[in-house]
């Protein structure tokens, strides 16, 4: 509008300047023609808008994730797909685990519902987005920034009764005779779930079972199931299965984890001077880090007790446990059995309390170390004091925890560590139990510090496999994290054999970057796989896609988007007739001037 006002003013000024002092009869017509030509030329110079904004057609995207088949009528997707084709025409896009153009046939088999690629393409093209979906989108936040004029169209929800195993949490390692607690989360679909039975199977054999009570629509419940680990060696599939009458989706009735069976305990804690620190460390190993733990306390010279039952055990039993365990925590006299690095084979934590009181030292921070990331949010300024030894090994590869004396500038390092040739942590402090007993921030700090240390120690690769998957169970559509083994090879060739699919064997090449012991690969189709690498084999379980699990809708019908709709309005230089108007007006003015006797 402003451009046209300027152009009209220029036209009037041009006509006035040329004919204001001309007294010839009939000057009105050439003056109007001059005004028209100058106005047209000014509009062309300013490239003024000459029409309404042309809003581009929307980009239409159809959700083809596998969740369409969970308890819904097959006609629901067909109806919505027909509407999407009518609106999208030849440019209908499909989204799920990838974004692509639709073909002649449509199948709902994608293992994810990611709409972000469609939203980014629509915004890059300056077009609104129309999403046809079942309402269960993985990343609904991606739709907040799409352009105004976008909208969501959802199909009907499923109505059948459905019970599903949502998650299975179990220790990574267990030994024969251990009592293992497994947390199983069960969920119900939109049609609720009747009562039934929940059972656990280890390597195909039932080890636990309990009745399952009815769940309301979209409800969830977590139960703890325990069993005594039988004798075994190597990885085994731990499978949770739920059975209810009239279940609408059998594909989500089971989920698995992988449990490594060993001859000895996964973690051993030995204390020659039992105190509250050692008791809390044992509880943390069992409850938070989820490692099957044996703890032994020396109550008198030559007399040892097992921590839970307080049954007497021989010193040779303690020595053997220290020698065989993948993770060992030595508290008190850490050299009782000899040099600690020589009497153990796995990761090692040495906790040596000061021999004499050292005053009050307050934790101030966690320097850069393998544990610094989980400790970054810890509130150090509100923790009780520690007793910190003045002498720690001087050749540590990194510091874990720093302390300072109150109202003084003295500083001491309380915990140090080594990553090579194997993982070792040395703590020259005591009094951590005060953090735990205080609750709140202190208890969280205790869990963060020692939980991250013990979890890092438990991640040490002590076996001979060239590479192995961590964790051993994932869902279809996710990525598998592969960890380089003790060999340190940068290129590992693996054979993947499907145990439940006729023994088909596929090859896989794992390439680890320089200084990087972890890489990721997409998961294969659901099933149980044996992974063979130099040095040994692993078990990989791929559970059914998360798209088969019941969940609440994340988007609803209606308009979405907060961005401004983009669209180009036609401009003066894009309109050929405006050039013609300017030229014809100039020619007509010349003729009119001649008729009234002007040059």
Protein backbone atom coordinates (compact mmCIF):
# COMPACT_ATOMS: atom_id res chain seq x y z
CA UNK A 1 0.00 0.00 0.00
CA UNK A 2 2.77 2.46 0.86
CA UNK A 3 4.49 1.72 -2.45
CA UNK A 4 1.32 2.62 -4.38
CA UNK A 5 0.82 5.83 -2.40
CA UNK A 6 4.37 6.85 -3.25
CA UNK A 7 3.77 5.95 -6.91
CA UNK A 8 0.51 7.97 -7.05
CA UNK A 9 2.23 10.95 -5.43
CA UNK A 10 5.03 10.70 -7.99
CA UNK A 11 2.47 10.57 -10.84
CA UNK A 12 0.62 13.62 -9.56
CA UNK A 13 3.87 15.50 -9.08
CA UNK A 14 5.03 14.58 -12.58
CA UNK A 15 1.78 15.74 -14.17
CA UNK A 16 1.77 18.95 -12.15
CA UNK A 17 5.36 19.78 -13.01
CA UNK A 18 4.70 19.28 -16.75
CA UNK A 19 1.29 20.98 -17.16
CA UNK A 20 0.75 23.38 -14.26
CA UNK A 21 1.88 26.41 -16.28
CA UNK A 22 0.53 25.27 -19.63
CA UNK A 23 -2.53 27.34 -20.65
CA UNK A 24 -3.41 25.44 -23.79
CA UNK A 25 -7.00 24.21 -24.15
CA UNK A 26 -7.34 20.41 -23.62
CA UNK A 27 -4.34 19.95 -21.33
CA UNK A 28 -6.35 17.71 -18.98
CA UNK A 29 -6.01 14.56 -21.09
CA UNK A 30 -2.22 14.70 -21.55
CA UNK A 31 -1.82 15.57 -17.87
CA UNK A 32 -3.79 12.46 -16.88
CA UNK A 33 -1.76 10.35 -19.28
CA UNK A 34 1.48 11.77 -17.82
CA UNK A 35 0.26 10.94 -14.32
CA UNK A 36 -0.60 7.39 -15.42
CA UNK A 37 2.78 6.77 -17.05
CA UNK A 38 4.79 8.22 -14.13
CA UNK A 39 2.69 6.25 -11.61
CA UNK A 40 3.30 3.02 -13.56
CA UNK A 41 7.03 3.68 -13.80
CA UNK A 42 7.27 4.50 -10.08
CA UNK A 43 5.37 1.31 -9.19
CA UNK A 44 7.80 -0.67 -11.36
CA UNK A 45 10.76 1.03 -9.71
CA UNK A 46 9.40 0.20 -6.23
CA UNK A 47 8.24 -3.27 -7.35
CA UNK A 48 4.88 -2.63 -5.66
CA UNK A 49 2.40 -5.38 -4.79
CA UNK A 50 -0.28 -5.74 -7.45
CA UNK A 51 -2.44 -8.54 -6.05
CA UNK A 52 -3.39 -10.71 -3.10
CA UNK A 53 -0.88 -13.05 -1.45
CA UNK A 54 -0.73 -16.47 -3.09
CA UNK A 55 -0.64 -19.00 -0.23
CA UNK A 56 1.18 -22.18 -1.34
CA UNK A 57 -0.68 -25.50 -1.10
CA UNK A 58 -0.09 -27.49 2.10
CA UNK A 59 2.32 -30.38 2.37
CA UNK A 60 0.27 -33.47 3.27
CA UNK A 61 1.89 -36.23 5.38
CA UNK A 62 0.35 -39.58 6.34
CA UNK A 63 1.43 -41.61 9.38
CA UNK A 64 2.21 -45.21 8.39
CA UNK A 65 3.52 -46.50 11.73
CA UNK A 66 2.70 -49.97 12.99
CA UNK A 67 0.50 -48.58 15.79
CA UNK A 68 -2.38 -48.43 13.28
CA UNK A 69 -2.75 -52.19 13.59
CA UNK A 70 -3.04 -52.23 17.40
CA UNK A 71 -6.67 -52.90 18.27
CA UNK A 72 -8.10 -50.79 15.42
CA UNK A 73 -10.42 -51.66 12.59
CA UNK A 74 -8.41 -52.02 9.36
CA UNK A 75 -10.89 -49.73 7.62
CA UNK A 76 -9.86 -46.82 9.87
CA UNK A 77 -6.49 -46.44 8.17
CA UNK A 78 -7.96 -47.02 4.70
CA UNK A 79 -10.49 -44.23 5.20
CA UNK A 80 -7.91 -41.76 6.51
CA UNK A 81 -5.44 -42.67 3.75
CA UNK A 82 -8.12 -41.98 1.11
CA UNK A 83 -8.73 -38.53 2.60
CA UNK A 84 -5.00 -37.84 2.66
CA UNK A 85 -4.66 -38.82 -1.03
CA UNK A 86 -7.55 -36.55 -1.98
CA UNK A 87 -5.90 -33.62 -0.23
CA UNK A 88 -2.30 -34.37 -1.14
CA UNK A 89 -2.75 -35.45 -4.73
CA UNK A 90 0.49 -36.62 -6.30
CA UNK A 91 2.63 -35.13 -3.49
CA UNK A 92 1.44 -37.22 -0.55
CA UNK A 93 4.29 -37.90 1.89
CA UNK A 94 4.54 -40.85 4.26
CA UNK A 95 6.25 -40.58 7.65
CA UNK A 96 7.11 -42.99 10.43
CA UNK A 97 10.71 -44.14 10.73
CA UNK A 98 11.53 -42.10 7.57
CA UNK A 99 9.98 -39.49 5.23
CA UNK A 100 9.27 -40.44 1.61
CA UNK A 101 6.74 -39.96 -1.18
CA UNK A 102 3.77 -42.32 -1.23
CA UNK A 103 3.60 -45.10 -3.77
CA UNK A 104 0.68 -47.03 -5.18
CA UNK A 105 0.25 -49.21 -2.10
CA UNK A 106 0.30 -48.15 1.55
CA UNK A 107 1.38 -50.42 4.43
CA UNK A 108 1.51 -49.58 8.14
CA UNK A 109 4.80 -51.25 9.10
CA UNK A 110 7.07 -48.40 10.24
CA UNK A 111 8.63 -48.92 13.68
CA UNK A 112 8.42 -45.26 14.75
CA UNK A 113 6.15 -42.20 14.40
CA UNK A 114 8.61 -39.36 13.85
CA UNK A 115 6.97 -36.30 12.25
CA UNK A 116 9.95 -33.91 12.55
CA UNK A 117 11.30 -34.59 9.01
CA UNK A 118 7.88 -33.70 7.53
CA UNK A 119 7.63 -30.55 9.67
CA UNK A 120 11.13 -29.42 8.67
CA UNK A 121 10.45 -29.99 4.96
CA UNK A 122 7.18 -28.02 5.14
CA UNK A 123 8.87 -25.10 6.93
CA UNK A 124 11.77 -25.09 4.48
CA UNK A 125 9.32 -24.91 1.57
CA UNK A 126 7.22 -22.21 3.27
CA UNK A 127 4.12 -24.40 3.17
CA UNK A 128 1.54 -25.33 5.81
CA UNK A 129 1.52 -28.95 6.97
CA UNK A 130 -1.48 -31.26 7.14
CA UNK A 131 -0.81 -34.40 9.20
CA UNK A 132 -3.04 -37.48 9.00
CA UNK A 133 -2.23 -39.74 11.97
CA UNK A 134 -3.59 -42.06 14.63
CA UNK A 135 -2.62 -39.45 17.24
CA UNK A 136 0.40 -41.30 18.67
CA UNK A 137 3.38 -39.26 17.46
CA UNK A 138 6.83 -39.66 19.01
CA UNK A 139 7.89 -36.01 18.70
CA UNK A 140 4.76 -33.79 18.91
CA UNK A 141 6.92 -30.80 19.90
CA UNK A 142 8.16 -30.67 16.30
CA UNK A 143 4.71 -29.40 15.24
CA UNK A 144 4.82 -26.26 17.38
CA UNK A 145 6.85 -24.22 14.89
CA UNK A 146 5.07 -25.21 11.66
CA UNK A 147 3.41 -22.44 9.69
CA UNK A 148 -0.04 -21.07 10.44
CA UNK A 149 -2.72 -22.86 8.47
CA UNK A 150 -1.36 -26.29 9.43
CA UNK A 151 -3.61 -28.85 11.04
CA UNK A 152 -3.84 -32.41 12.36
CA UNK A 153 -6.43 -34.99 11.32
CA UNK A 154 -6.67 -38.10 13.52
CA UNK A 155 -8.32 -41.45 13.05
CA UNK A 156 -10.47 -43.34 15.57
CA UNK A 157 -8.82 -44.91 18.62
CA UNK A 158 -8.79 -48.66 19.19
CA UNK A 159 -11.45 -50.07 21.48
CA UNK A 160 -10.44 -53.68 22.13
CA UNK A 161 -9.10 -55.01 25.44
CA UNK A 162 -5.30 -55.04 25.38
CA UNK A 163 -2.63 -55.82 27.97
CA UNK A 164 1.05 -55.32 27.15
CA UNK A 165 4.45 -55.79 28.76
CA UNK A 166 5.89 -52.27 28.54
CA UNK A 167 9.28 -52.76 30.19
CA UNK A 168 11.47 -55.37 31.87
CA UNK A 169 14.21 -54.23 34.26
CA UNK A 170 16.62 -56.82 35.61
CA UNK A 171 20.25 -56.97 36.77
CA UNK A 172 22.81 -57.30 34.02
CA UNK A 173 24.65 -60.16 35.73
CA UNK A 174 23.61 -62.86 38.19
CA UNK A 175 25.22 -65.95 39.64
CA UNK A 176 23.78 -69.31 40.62
CA UNK A 177 21.86 -69.15 43.89
CA UNK A 178 21.29 -65.38 43.78
CA UNK A 179 17.78 -64.08 44.38
CA UNK A 180 17.09 -61.71 41.51
CA UNK A 181 14.38 -59.04 41.61
CA UNK A 182 12.87 -58.15 38.23
CA UNK A 183 10.68 -55.07 37.75
CA UNK A 184 8.02 -55.58 35.07
CA UNK A 185 5.83 -52.71 33.88
CA UNK A 186 2.47 -53.68 32.39
CA UNK A 187 0.10 -51.35 30.56
CA UNK A 188 -3.45 -51.41 29.20
CA UNK A 189 -4.88 -50.07 25.96
CA UNK A 190 -7.83 -47.73 25.45
CA UNK A 191 -10.21 -50.64 26.00
CA UNK A 192 -8.73 -51.47 29.46
CA UNK A 193 -7.31 -54.90 30.34
CA UNK A 194 -8.93 -57.75 32.26
CA UNK A 195 -7.12 -59.76 34.89
CA UNK A 196 -4.77 -62.54 33.90
CA UNK A 197 -1.37 -64.08 34.62
CA UNK A 198 2.13 -62.62 34.44
CA UNK A 199 5.06 -65.02 34.23
CA UNK A 200 8.85 -64.93 33.90
CA UNK A 201 10.84 -67.35 31.75
CA UNK A 202 14.62 -67.76 31.87
CA UNK A 203 16.08 -69.49 28.82
CA UNK A 204 12.60 -70.87 28.02
CA UNK A 205 11.91 -72.23 31.51
CA UNK A 206 9.32 -70.66 33.83
CA UNK A 207 10.95 -69.28 36.97
CA UNK A 208 8.19 -67.08 38.44
CA UNK A 209 4.50 -66.34 38.01
CA UNK A 210 1.81 -64.26 39.68
CA UNK A 211 -1.81 -63.25 39.09
CA UNK A 212 -2.40 -59.97 37.30
CA UNK A 213 -5.28 -57.70 38.31
CA UNK A 214 -7.41 -55.75 35.83
CA UNK A 215 -6.14 -52.36 34.65
CA UNK A 216 -8.19 -49.31 33.62
CA UNK A 217 -7.93 -47.80 30.16
CA UNK A 218 -4.36 -46.61 29.46
CA UNK A 219 -3.32 -47.54 32.99
CA UNK A 220 0.11 -48.86 33.99
CA UNK A 221 1.40 -50.93 36.87
CA UNK A 222 4.92 -52.00 37.89
CA UNK A 223 5.34 -55.25 39.80
CA UNK A 224 8.46 -56.88 41.24
CA UNK A 225 8.98 -60.58 40.63
CA UNK A 226 11.77 -62.56 42.29
CA UNK A 227 13.35 -65.92 41.55
CA UNK A 228 16.46 -67.89 42.47
CA UNK A 229 18.96 -68.07 39.63
CA UNK A 230 19.69 -71.64 38.50
CA UNK A 231 23.15 -72.84 37.57
CA UNK A 232 24.35 -71.63 34.21
CA UNK A 233 27.03 -69.80 32.32
CA UNK A 234 26.71 -67.17 29.62
CA UNK A 235 23.89 -64.88 28.49
CA UNK A 236 20.28 -66.05 28.77
CA UNK A 237 16.97 -64.51 27.69
CA UNK A 238 14.75 -63.37 30.56
CA UNK A 239 11.24 -63.07 29.12
CA UNK A 240 8.14 -61.57 30.75
CA UNK A 241 4.80 -62.74 29.32
CA UNK A 242 1.29 -61.60 30.18
CA UNK A 243 -1.81 -63.68 29.43
CA UNK A 244 -5.34 -62.19 29.50
CA UNK A 245 -8.59 -63.30 27.94
CA UNK A 246 -9.67 -61.59 24.71
CA UNK A 247 -6.41 -59.72 24.13
CA UNK A 248 -6.65 -57.54 21.01
CA UNK A 249 -2.92 -57.30 20.23
CA UNK A 250 -0.79 -60.43 20.82
CA UNK A 251 2.34 -58.70 19.48
CA UNK A 252 2.91 -56.75 22.71
CA UNK A 253 2.23 -59.52 25.22
CA UNK A 254 5.92 -60.22 25.90
CA UNK A 255 9.24 -58.41 26.27
CA UNK A 256 12.70 -59.65 27.16
CA UNK A 257 15.93 -58.64 28.84
CA UNK A 258 19.31 -60.38 28.76
CA UNK A 259 20.77 -61.80 31.97
CA UNK A 260 24.44 -62.88 32.03
CA UNK A 261 24.84 -65.97 34.21
CA UNK A 262 28.18 -66.36 35.97
CA UNK A 263 29.71 -68.78 38.42
CA UNK A 264 30.48 -66.05 40.99
CA UNK A 265 28.92 -62.79 42.14
CA UNK A 266 28.90 -59.82 39.78
CA UNK A 267 30.19 -57.51 42.52
CA UNK A 268 31.97 -58.24 45.80
CA UNK A 269 32.45 -55.82 48.69
CA UNK A 270 34.98 -56.71 51.38
CA UNK A 271 35.42 -54.59 54.51
CA UNK A 272 38.06 -55.17 57.16
CA UNK A 273 36.62 -52.37 59.32
CA UNK A 274 32.85 -52.39 58.81
CA UNK A 275 31.18 -49.03 59.23
CA UNK A 276 28.18 -47.16 57.90
CA UNK A 277 30.02 -46.26 54.68
CA UNK A 278 30.54 -49.92 53.79
CA UNK A 279 26.93 -50.82 54.63
CA UNK A 280 25.59 -48.04 52.43
CA UNK A 281 27.88 -49.01 49.55
CA UNK A 282 26.61 -52.60 49.68
CA UNK A 283 23.00 -51.38 49.66
CA UNK A 284 23.75 -49.09 46.72
CA UNK A 285 25.29 -51.90 44.69
CA UNK A 286 22.19 -54.01 45.16
CA UNK A 287 19.45 -51.39 44.97
CA UNK A 288 20.61 -48.72 42.54
CA UNK A 289 23.36 -50.17 40.35
CA UNK A 290 21.40 -53.46 40.23
CA UNK A 291 24.40 -55.78 40.50
CA UNK A 292 24.12 -59.16 42.29
CA UNK A 293 26.39 -58.40 45.24
CA UNK A 294 28.14 -60.42 47.93
CA UNK A 295 29.44 -58.42 50.87
CA UNK A 296 31.82 -59.81 53.53
CA UNK A 297 32.72 -58.08 56.81
CA UNK A 298 35.64 -58.97 59.08
CA UNK A 299 34.34 -58.79 62.64
CA UNK A 300 37.59 -60.04 64.25
CA UNK A 301 40.97 -61.25 63.00
CA UNK A 302 40.29 -64.33 60.88
CA UNK A 303 36.50 -64.13 61.40
CA UNK A 304 34.29 -63.13 58.45
CA UNK A 305 30.53 -62.72 58.13
CA UNK A 306 28.32 -62.52 55.06
CA UNK A 307 26.45 -59.22 55.34
CA UNK A 308 22.79 -60.20 54.92
CA UNK A 309 22.47 -63.43 56.91
CA UNK A 310 25.57 -62.77 59.08
CA UNK A 311 26.58 -66.37 58.51
CA UNK A 312 30.26 -67.12 59.15
CA UNK A 313 32.39 -67.78 56.06
CA UNK A 314 35.98 -68.87 55.69
CA UNK A 315 38.68 -66.45 54.60
CA UNK A 316 39.41 -68.62 51.56
CA UNK A 317 35.84 -68.10 50.37
CA UNK A 318 36.37 -64.35 50.60
CA UNK A 319 39.68 -64.56 48.74
CA UNK A 320 38.12 -66.63 45.96
CA UNK A 321 35.21 -64.20 45.59
CA UNK A 322 37.65 -61.27 45.32
CA UNK A 323 39.70 -63.15 42.75
CA UNK A 324 36.74 -64.05 40.51
CA UNK A 325 34.34 -61.06 40.70
CA UNK A 326 34.21 -58.59 37.76
CA UNK A 327 33.77 -55.67 40.22
CA UNK A 328 35.48 -55.57 43.63
CA UNK A 329 35.18 -52.95 46.39
CA UNK A 330 37.84 -53.22 49.11
CA UNK A 331 37.13 -51.15 52.23
CA UNK A 332 39.49 -50.58 55.15
CA UNK A 333 42.79 -52.45 54.86
CA UNK A 334 42.87 -52.74 51.08
CA UNK A 335 46.13 -54.73 51.07
CA UNK A 336 44.95 -57.47 53.45
CA UNK A 337 45.09 -60.15 50.73
CA UNK A 338 48.13 -58.69 48.97
CA UNK A 339 48.56 -55.98 46.32
CA UNK A 340 44.96 -55.22 45.24
CA UNK A 341 45.72 -55.14 41.50
CA UNK A 342 47.27 -58.60 41.71
CA UNK A 343 44.55 -60.37 43.73
CA UNK A 344 41.67 -59.15 41.53
CA UNK A 345 40.98 -59.53 37.81
CA UNK A 346 38.24 -56.95 37.17
CA UNK A 347 37.42 -53.35 37.99
CA UNK A 348 38.46 -52.24 41.44
CA UNK A 349 37.36 -49.64 44.01
CA UNK A 350 39.64 -49.05 47.01
CA UNK A 351 38.07 -47.18 49.92
CA UNK A 352 40.72 -46.36 52.54
CA UNK A 353 39.41 -44.21 55.41
CA UNK A 354 41.98 -41.91 57.09
CA UNK A 355 43.82 -43.51 60.01
CA UNK A 356 43.35 -40.38 62.17
CA UNK A 357 40.80 -37.55 62.17
CA UNK A 358 41.56 -34.92 59.56
CA UNK A 359 39.03 -32.23 60.40
CA UNK A 360 36.00 -31.20 58.37
CA UNK A 361 36.37 -31.17 54.58
CA UNK A 362 33.48 -30.13 52.36
CA UNK A 363 32.90 -31.36 48.80
CA UNK A 364 33.27 -28.52 46.28
CA UNK A 365 33.00 -30.10 42.84
CA UNK A 366 33.71 -32.87 40.34
CA UNK A 367 36.56 -32.15 37.88
CA UNK A 368 36.53 -33.53 34.34
CA UNK A 369 36.41 -37.32 34.54
CA UNK A 370 34.33 -40.23 33.22
CA UNK A 371 31.91 -39.50 36.10
CA UNK A 372 31.68 -35.71 35.72
CA UNK A 373 28.60 -35.71 33.47
CA UNK A 374 26.20 -37.44 35.91
CA UNK A 375 27.64 -35.28 38.72
CA UNK A 376 27.18 -31.96 36.90
CA UNK A 377 23.88 -31.12 38.65
CA UNK A 378 24.93 -31.99 42.20
CA UNK A 379 24.49 -29.26 44.86
CA UNK A 380 27.80 -29.44 46.70
CA UNK A 381 27.32 -26.46 49.00
CA UNK A 382 24.74 -28.16 51.25
CA UNK A 383 26.48 -31.48 52.03
CA UNK A 384 27.78 -32.64 55.41
CA UNK A 385 31.59 -32.72 55.87
CA UNK A 386 33.94 -35.62 55.11
CA UNK A 387 37.13 -36.88 56.71
CA UNK A 388 39.72 -36.78 53.87
CA UNK A 389 43.16 -38.38 53.88
CA UNK A 390 46.10 -36.08 52.99
CA UNK A 391 47.84 -38.74 50.89
CA UNK A 392 46.42 -40.28 47.72
CA UNK A 393 48.38 -41.91 44.88
CA UNK A 394 50.06 -39.06 42.96
CA UNK A 395 49.93 -40.61 39.49
CA UNK A 396 46.14 -40.74 39.04
CA UNK A 397 44.76 -40.23 35.53
CA UNK A 398 41.84 -38.09 36.76
CA UNK A 399 40.27 -36.66 39.91
CA UNK A 400 36.67 -37.52 40.76
CA UNK A 401 35.86 -35.40 43.84
CA UNK A 402 37.52 -32.28 45.26
CA UNK A 403 37.09 -30.95 48.81
CA UNK A 404 38.02 -27.79 50.74
CA UNK A 405 38.32 -27.03 54.44
CA UNK A 406 35.72 -24.61 55.81
CA UNK A 407 36.82 -20.94 55.87
CA UNK A 408 40.29 -21.90 54.61
CA UNK A 409 41.98 -22.19 51.24
CA UNK A 410 43.25 -25.74 51.83
CA UNK A 411 42.16 -28.18 49.12
CA UNK A 412 42.30 -31.97 48.97
CA UNK A 413 41.21 -34.53 46.41
CA UNK A 414 39.00 -37.19 48.01
CA UNK A 415 38.62 -39.65 45.10
CA UNK A 416 40.94 -40.37 42.14
CA UNK A 417 40.84 -42.90 39.31
CA UNK A 418 42.55 -44.75 36.45
CA UNK A 419 40.98 -46.02 33.23
CA UNK A 420 43.95 -47.90 31.78
CA UNK A 421 45.17 -50.61 31.90
CA UNK A 422 41.97 -51.32 33.84
CA UNK A 423 39.45 -49.27 35.76
CA UNK A 424 40.46 -48.46 39.31
CA UNK A 425 39.08 -45.88 41.75
CA UNK A 426 40.73 -44.93 45.07
CA UNK A 427 38.78 -43.04 47.73
CA UNK A 428 40.77 -41.67 50.66
CA UNK A 429 37.79 -40.39 52.62
CA UNK A 430 35.09 -41.46 55.05
CA UNK A 431 31.83 -40.00 56.30
CA UNK A 432 29.80 -40.40 53.13
CA UNK A 433 27.13 -42.04 55.24
CA UNK A 434 26.27 -38.58 56.61
CA UNK A 435 25.12 -37.58 53.11
CA UNK A 436 22.88 -40.65 52.95
CA UNK A 437 21.37 -40.28 56.43
CA UNK A 438 20.56 -36.60 55.91
CA UNK A 439 18.16 -37.45 53.09
CA UNK A 440 17.14 -35.00 50.38
CA UNK A 441 20.04 -33.36 48.54
CA UNK A 442 22.63 -35.29 50.54
CA UNK A 443 21.12 -38.67 49.74
CA UNK A 444 20.90 -37.72 46.07
CA UNK A 445 24.57 -36.68 46.12
CA UNK A 446 25.63 -39.99 47.70
CA UNK A 447 23.74 -41.91 45.02
CA UNK A 448 25.13 -39.71 42.25
CA UNK A 449 28.78 -39.95 43.36
CA UNK A 450 28.99 -43.61 44.24
CA UNK A 451 26.34 -44.75 41.78
CA UNK A 452 28.24 -43.19 38.86
CA UNK A 453 31.55 -44.64 40.14
CA UNK A 454 30.19 -48.15 40.57
CA UNK A 455 28.27 -48.03 37.30
CA UNK A 456 31.42 -46.92 35.49
CA UNK A 457 33.39 -49.73 37.10
CA UNK A 458 30.70 -52.23 36.13
CA UNK A 459 31.03 -51.14 32.50
CA UNK A 460 34.63 -52.36 32.30
CA UNK A 461 35.17 -54.90 29.52
CA UNK A 462 36.80 -57.84 31.24
CA UNK A 463 35.89 -60.54 28.72
CA UNK A 464 37.69 -61.55 25.57
CA UNK A 465 34.92 -60.69 23.08
CA UNK A 466 36.02 -58.29 20.36
CA UNK A 467 32.66 -56.44 20.56
CA UNK A 468 29.28 -56.93 22.21
CA UNK A 469 25.88 -55.17 22.36
CA UNK A 470 24.99 -53.00 25.38
CA UNK A 471 22.30 -53.55 26.52
CA UNK A 472 21.52 -57.00 25.21
CA UNK A 473 17.83 -56.23 24.60
CA UNK A 474 16.37 -53.38 22.52
CA UNK A 475 13.13 -52.69 20.68
CA UNK A 476 12.72 -52.80 16.93
CA UNK A 477 13.23 -49.35 15.46
CA UNK A 478 15.85 -48.38 18.05
CA UNK A 479 19.62 -48.42 17.67
CA UNK A 480 22.02 -50.97 19.16
CA UNK A 481 25.01 -49.64 21.05
CA UNK A 482 28.07 -51.77 20.36
CA UNK A 483 31.01 -51.62 22.74
CA UNK A 484 34.54 -52.54 21.77
CA UNK A 485 35.93 -55.42 23.79
CA UNK A 486 39.26 -56.14 25.41
CA UNK A 487 41.04 -56.70 22.09
CA UNK A 488 40.78 -53.04 21.12
CA UNK A 489 40.28 -53.77 17.40
CA UNK A 490 39.02 -50.80 15.36
CA UNK A 491 37.30 -53.09 12.83
CA UNK A 492 35.34 -56.09 14.11
CA UNK A 493 33.57 -58.60 11.88
CA UNK A 494 30.52 -60.17 13.50
CA UNK A 495 28.19 -62.96 12.42
CA UNK A 496 24.55 -62.58 13.50
CA UNK A 497 22.57 -65.83 13.60
CA UNK A 498 18.83 -65.72 14.22
CA UNK A 499 17.93 -68.41 16.73
CA UNK A 500 14.17 -68.30 16.19
CA UNK A 501 14.15 -67.89 12.40
CA UNK A 502 15.70 -70.95 10.84
CA UNK A 503 19.31 -70.16 11.72
CA UNK A 504 19.87 -67.55 9.01
CA UNK A 505 23.31 -65.98 9.29
CA UNK A 506 24.14 -62.37 8.37
CA UNK A 507 27.47 -60.59 8.56
CA UNK A 508 28.12 -57.20 10.14
CA UNK A 509 31.24 -55.02 10.12
CA UNK A 510 31.65 -52.79 13.18
CA UNK A 511 34.00 -49.84 12.79
CA UNK A 512 35.15 -48.05 15.94
CA UNK A 513 36.72 -44.63 15.59
CA UNK A 514 40.09 -43.70 17.03
CA UNK A 515 39.76 -43.37 20.79
CA UNK A 516 36.08 -44.33 20.66
CA UNK A 517 35.00 -47.62 22.13
CA UNK A 518 31.30 -47.29 21.28
CA UNK A 519 29.34 -47.23 18.03
CA UNK A 520 25.67 -47.53 17.03
CA UNK A 521 23.80 -49.57 14.43
CA UNK A 522 20.06 -49.87 13.65
CA UNK A 523 18.41 -52.88 15.23
CA UNK A 524 17.41 -55.86 13.03
CA UNK A 525 13.82 -57.19 12.92
CA UNK A 526 12.33 -58.57 16.16
CA UNK A 527 13.80 -61.88 17.25
CA UNK A 528 16.58 -63.59 19.20
CA UNK A 529 20.07 -63.42 17.73
CA UNK A 530 23.42 -64.97 18.56
CA UNK A 531 26.25 -62.53 17.83
CA UNK A 532 29.55 -64.28 17.11
CA UNK A 533 32.73 -62.23 17.28
CA UNK A 534 36.39 -63.15 17.81
CA UNK A 535 36.77 -64.13 21.45
CA UNK A 536 33.23 -65.29 22.11
CA UNK A 537 29.51 -64.82 21.43
CA UNK A 538 26.72 -62.62 22.78
CA UNK A 539 22.94 -62.77 22.93
CA UNK A 540 20.91 -59.99 21.32
CA UNK A 541 17.13 -59.82 21.79
CA UNK A 542 15.11 -57.41 19.65
CA UNK A 543 11.67 -56.92 21.19
CA UNK A 544 8.62 -55.85 19.14
CA UNK A 545 8.47 -52.19 18.20
CA UNK A 546 7.29 -49.65 20.77
CA UNK A 547 4.57 -48.78 18.23
CA UNK A 548 2.71 -51.88 19.45
CA UNK A 549 2.63 -50.63 23.06
CA UNK A 550 -0.51 -48.81 24.24
CA UNK A 551 -0.04 -45.12 24.94
CA UNK A 552 -2.00 -41.93 25.20
CA UNK A 553 -2.49 -39.77 22.09
CA UNK A 554 0.07 -36.98 21.85
CA UNK A 555 -1.78 -34.83 19.28
CA UNK A 556 -5.44 -34.07 18.64
CA UNK A 557 -7.61 -32.88 15.77
CA UNK A 558 -7.37 -29.20 15.00
CA UNK A 559 -5.20 -26.33 13.90
CA UNK A 560 -1.51 -26.27 14.83
CA UNK A 561 1.48 -24.09 14.18
CA UNK A 562 2.71 -20.71 15.32
CA UNK A 563 4.83 -19.60 12.37
CA UNK A 564 3.71 -16.96 9.90
CA UNK A 565 2.31 -18.34 6.66
CA UNK A 566 4.70 -17.64 3.85
CA UNK A 567 3.52 -16.90 0.33
CA UNK A 568 4.61 -14.51 -2.39
CA UNK A 569 2.17 -11.81 -3.53
CA UNK A 570 2.51 -10.80 -7.23
CA UNK A 571 4.78 -7.78 -7.73
CA UNK A 572 4.80 -5.02 -10.36
CA UNK A 573 7.82 -6.38 -12.19
CA UNK A 574 6.14 -9.78 -12.45
CA UNK A 575 3.14 -8.30 -14.35
CA UNK A 576 3.82 -7.69 -18.09
CA UNK A 577 0.76 -5.48 -18.59
CA UNK A 578 2.15 -2.79 -16.25
CA UNK A 579 5.10 -2.23 -18.61
CA UNK A 580 2.59 -1.96 -21.47
CA UNK A 581 0.50 0.59 -19.54
CA UNK A 582 3.53 2.81 -18.95
CA UNK A 583 4.58 2.65 -22.62
CA UNK A 584 1.09 3.19 -24.05
CA UNK A 585 0.45 6.09 -21.68
CA UNK A 586 3.64 7.82 -22.84
CA UNK A 587 2.74 7.31 -26.50
CA UNK A 588 -0.84 8.52 -25.98
CA UNK A 589 0.41 11.59 -24.12
CA UNK A 590 2.70 12.49 -27.05
CA UNK A 591 -0.22 12.30 -29.47
CA UNK A 592 -2.47 14.34 -27.16
CA UNK A 593 0.17 17.03 -26.82
CA UNK A 594 0.40 17.34 -30.61
CA UNK A 595 -3.34 17.82 -30.92
CA UNK A 596 -3.36 20.74 -28.52
CA UNK A 597 -0.31 22.32 -30.12
CA UNK A 598 2.35 21.28 -27.61
CA UNK A 599 5.65 19.66 -28.39
